[in-house]
């Protein structure tokens, strides 16, 4: 997700084709060196499941 909102979890299932990118030499503008790219899907339209519960207070 792009933006200023973080959702913390211990695990995540992504039911779409995706890849994890590690690129420490060319981080994203936000400073991220690791990110997940979901292929062929508009994440902005994706709504998180109602049963996601943060375990970080």
N, C-alpha and C. Protein backbone atom coordinates (compact mmCIF):
# COMPACT_ATOMS: atom_id res chain seq x y z
N UNK A 1 0.84 -1.17 0.00
CA UNK A 1 0.00 0.00 0.00
C UNK A 1 0.89 1.23 0.00
N UNK A 2 0.55 2.18 -0.76
CA UNK A 2 1.28 3.43 -0.73
C UNK A 2 0.52 4.39 0.16
N UNK A 3 1.26 5.08 0.97
CA UNK A 3 0.63 6.04 1.85
C UNK A 3 1.33 6.08 3.18
N UNK A 4 0.69 6.70 4.15
CA UNK A 4 1.31 6.89 5.45
C UNK A 4 0.67 6.00 6.52
N UNK A 5 -0.07 5.00 6.12
CA UNK A 5 -0.72 4.11 7.06
C UNK A 5 0.01 2.78 7.10
N UNK A 6 0.30 2.30 8.30
CA UNK A 6 0.93 0.99 8.48
C UNK A 6 -0.05 0.04 9.12
N UNK A 7 -0.04 -1.19 8.67
CA UNK A 7 -0.81 -2.26 9.30
C UNK A 7 0.20 -3.31 9.71
N UNK A 8 0.30 -3.57 11.01
CA UNK A 8 1.27 -4.53 11.52
C UNK A 8 0.60 -5.89 11.71
N UNK A 9 1.30 -6.94 11.32
CA UNK A 9 0.78 -8.29 11.45
C UNK A 9 1.96 -9.25 11.52
N UNK A 10 1.70 -10.46 12.02
CA UNK A 10 2.74 -11.49 12.07
C UNK A 10 2.81 -12.29 10.79
N UNK A 11 1.72 -12.30 10.04
CA UNK A 11 1.72 -13.01 8.76
C UNK A 11 0.69 -12.36 7.85
N UNK A 12 0.82 -12.68 6.56
CA UNK A 12 -0.06 -12.10 5.57
C UNK A 12 -0.19 -13.08 4.42
N UNK A 13 -1.41 -13.33 3.99
CA UNK A 13 -1.64 -14.15 2.80
C UNK A 13 -2.09 -13.21 1.69
N UNK A 14 -1.42 -13.27 0.57
CA UNK A 14 -1.77 -12.43 -0.58
C UNK A 14 -2.28 -13.36 -1.68
N UNK A 15 -3.58 -13.32 -1.94
CA UNK A 15 -4.14 -14.27 -2.92
C UNK A 15 -4.00 -13.80 -4.36
N UNK A 16 -2.93 -13.09 -4.66
CA UNK A 16 -2.67 -12.58 -5.99
C UNK A 16 -1.21 -12.84 -6.33
N UNK A 17 -0.86 -12.90 -7.61
CA UNK A 17 0.55 -13.05 -7.97
C UNK A 17 1.34 -11.86 -7.42
N UNK A 18 2.45 -12.14 -6.75
CA UNK A 18 3.23 -11.06 -6.16
C UNK A 18 4.69 -11.48 -6.06
N UNK A 19 5.53 -10.51 -5.73
CA UNK A 19 6.94 -10.80 -5.51
C UNK A 19 7.45 -9.88 -4.41
N UNK A 20 8.44 -10.37 -3.68
CA UNK A 20 9.12 -9.57 -2.67
C UNK A 20 10.39 -9.05 -3.30
N UNK A 21 10.61 -7.74 -3.20
CA UNK A 21 11.78 -7.10 -3.80
C UNK A 21 12.69 -6.61 -2.69
N UNK A 22 13.96 -6.94 -2.76
CA UNK A 22 14.98 -6.43 -1.85
C UNK A 22 15.99 -5.67 -2.69
N UNK A 23 16.06 -4.35 -2.51
CA UNK A 23 16.94 -3.54 -3.33
C UNK A 23 17.60 -2.47 -2.45
N UNK A 24 18.61 -2.85 -1.67
CA UNK A 24 19.22 -1.89 -0.74
C UNK A 24 19.99 -0.77 -1.44
N UNK A 25 20.41 -1.00 -2.67
CA UNK A 25 21.18 0.02 -3.39
C UNK A 25 20.29 1.10 -4.02
N UNK A 26 19.03 0.79 -4.25
CA UNK A 26 18.10 1.75 -4.83
C UNK A 26 16.77 1.70 -4.08
N UNK A 27 16.73 2.24 -2.85
CA UNK A 27 15.48 2.20 -2.08
C UNK A 27 14.41 3.07 -2.73
N UNK A 28 13.17 2.83 -2.34
CA UNK A 28 12.07 3.66 -2.81
C UNK A 28 12.20 5.06 -2.24
N UNK A 29 11.42 5.98 -2.76
CA UNK A 29 11.46 7.37 -2.27
C UNK A 29 11.18 7.46 -0.77
N UNK A 30 10.39 6.54 -0.25
CA UNK A 30 10.07 6.55 1.18
C UNK A 30 11.19 5.96 2.03
N UNK A 31 12.21 5.38 1.39
CA UNK A 31 13.34 4.80 2.11
C UNK A 31 13.28 3.28 2.22
N UNK A 32 12.17 2.68 1.77
CA UNK A 32 12.02 1.22 1.87
C UNK A 32 13.06 0.51 1.02
N UNK A 33 13.69 -0.50 1.61
CA UNK A 33 14.66 -1.34 0.90
C UNK A 33 14.08 -2.70 0.54
N UNK A 34 12.95 -3.04 1.16
CA UNK A 34 12.22 -4.28 0.89
C UNK A 34 10.76 -3.92 0.72
N UNK A 35 10.13 -4.46 -0.33
CA UNK A 35 8.71 -4.21 -0.52
C UNK A 35 8.09 -5.38 -1.27
N UNK A 36 6.77 -5.42 -1.25
CA UNK A 36 6.01 -6.46 -1.95
C UNK A 36 5.32 -5.79 -3.13
N UNK A 37 5.49 -6.36 -4.30
CA UNK A 37 4.79 -5.89 -5.49
C UNK A 37 3.70 -6.90 -5.82
N UNK A 38 2.46 -6.44 -5.86
CA UNK A 38 1.34 -7.29 -6.25
C UNK A 38 1.14 -7.06 -7.73
N UNK A 39 1.21 -8.12 -8.51
CA UNK A 39 1.22 -8.02 -9.97
C UNK A 39 -0.20 -8.08 -10.54
N UNK A 40 -0.52 -7.14 -11.40
CA UNK A 40 -1.79 -7.16 -12.10
C UNK A 40 -2.99 -6.92 -11.22
N UNK A 41 -2.84 -6.12 -10.16
CA UNK A 41 -3.95 -5.88 -9.25
C UNK A 41 -3.84 -4.47 -8.71
N UNK A 42 -4.94 -3.79 -8.59
CA UNK A 42 -4.97 -2.42 -8.08
C UNK A 42 -5.15 -2.46 -6.56
N UNK A 43 -4.03 -2.28 -5.84
CA UNK A 43 -4.09 -2.33 -4.37
C UNK A 43 -4.96 -1.23 -3.79
N UNK A 44 -5.07 -0.11 -4.46
CA UNK A 44 -5.89 0.98 -3.94
C UNK A 44 -7.35 0.56 -3.83
N UNK A 45 -7.77 -0.39 -4.65
CA UNK A 45 -9.16 -0.86 -4.62
C UNK A 45 -9.36 -1.99 -3.63
N UNK A 46 -8.28 -2.55 -3.09
CA UNK A 46 -8.36 -3.70 -2.18
C UNK A 46 -8.75 -3.25 -0.78
N UNK A 47 -9.73 -3.89 -0.22
CA UNK A 47 -10.16 -3.60 1.14
C UNK A 47 -9.62 -4.70 2.06
N UNK A 48 -9.01 -4.33 3.20
CA UNK A 48 -8.51 -5.36 4.11
C UNK A 48 -9.66 -6.16 4.70
N UNK A 49 -9.44 -7.44 4.95
CA UNK A 49 -10.48 -8.26 5.58
C UNK A 49 -10.84 -7.71 6.95
N UNK A 50 -12.09 -7.86 7.32
CA UNK A 50 -12.58 -7.33 8.60
C UNK A 50 -11.94 -8.03 9.79
N UNK A 51 -11.38 -9.23 9.60
CA UNK A 51 -10.83 -9.99 10.73
C UNK A 51 -9.36 -9.70 11.00
N UNK A 52 -8.77 -8.70 10.34
CA UNK A 52 -7.37 -8.34 10.65
C UNK A 52 -7.35 -7.63 11.99
N UNK A 53 -6.54 -8.15 12.90
CA UNK A 53 -6.42 -7.54 14.22
C UNK A 53 -4.95 -7.31 14.48
N UNK A 54 -4.62 -6.10 14.86
CA UNK A 54 -3.23 -5.77 15.18
C UNK A 54 -2.89 -6.29 16.56
N UNK A 55 -1.71 -6.90 16.68
CA UNK A 55 -1.29 -7.39 17.98
C UNK A 55 -0.31 -6.41 18.62
N UNK A 56 -0.23 -5.23 18.07
CA UNK A 56 0.71 -4.23 18.56
C UNK A 56 -0.01 -3.06 19.22
N UNK A 57 -1.05 -3.35 20.00
CA UNK A 57 -1.75 -2.31 20.75
C UNK A 57 -2.18 -1.22 19.92
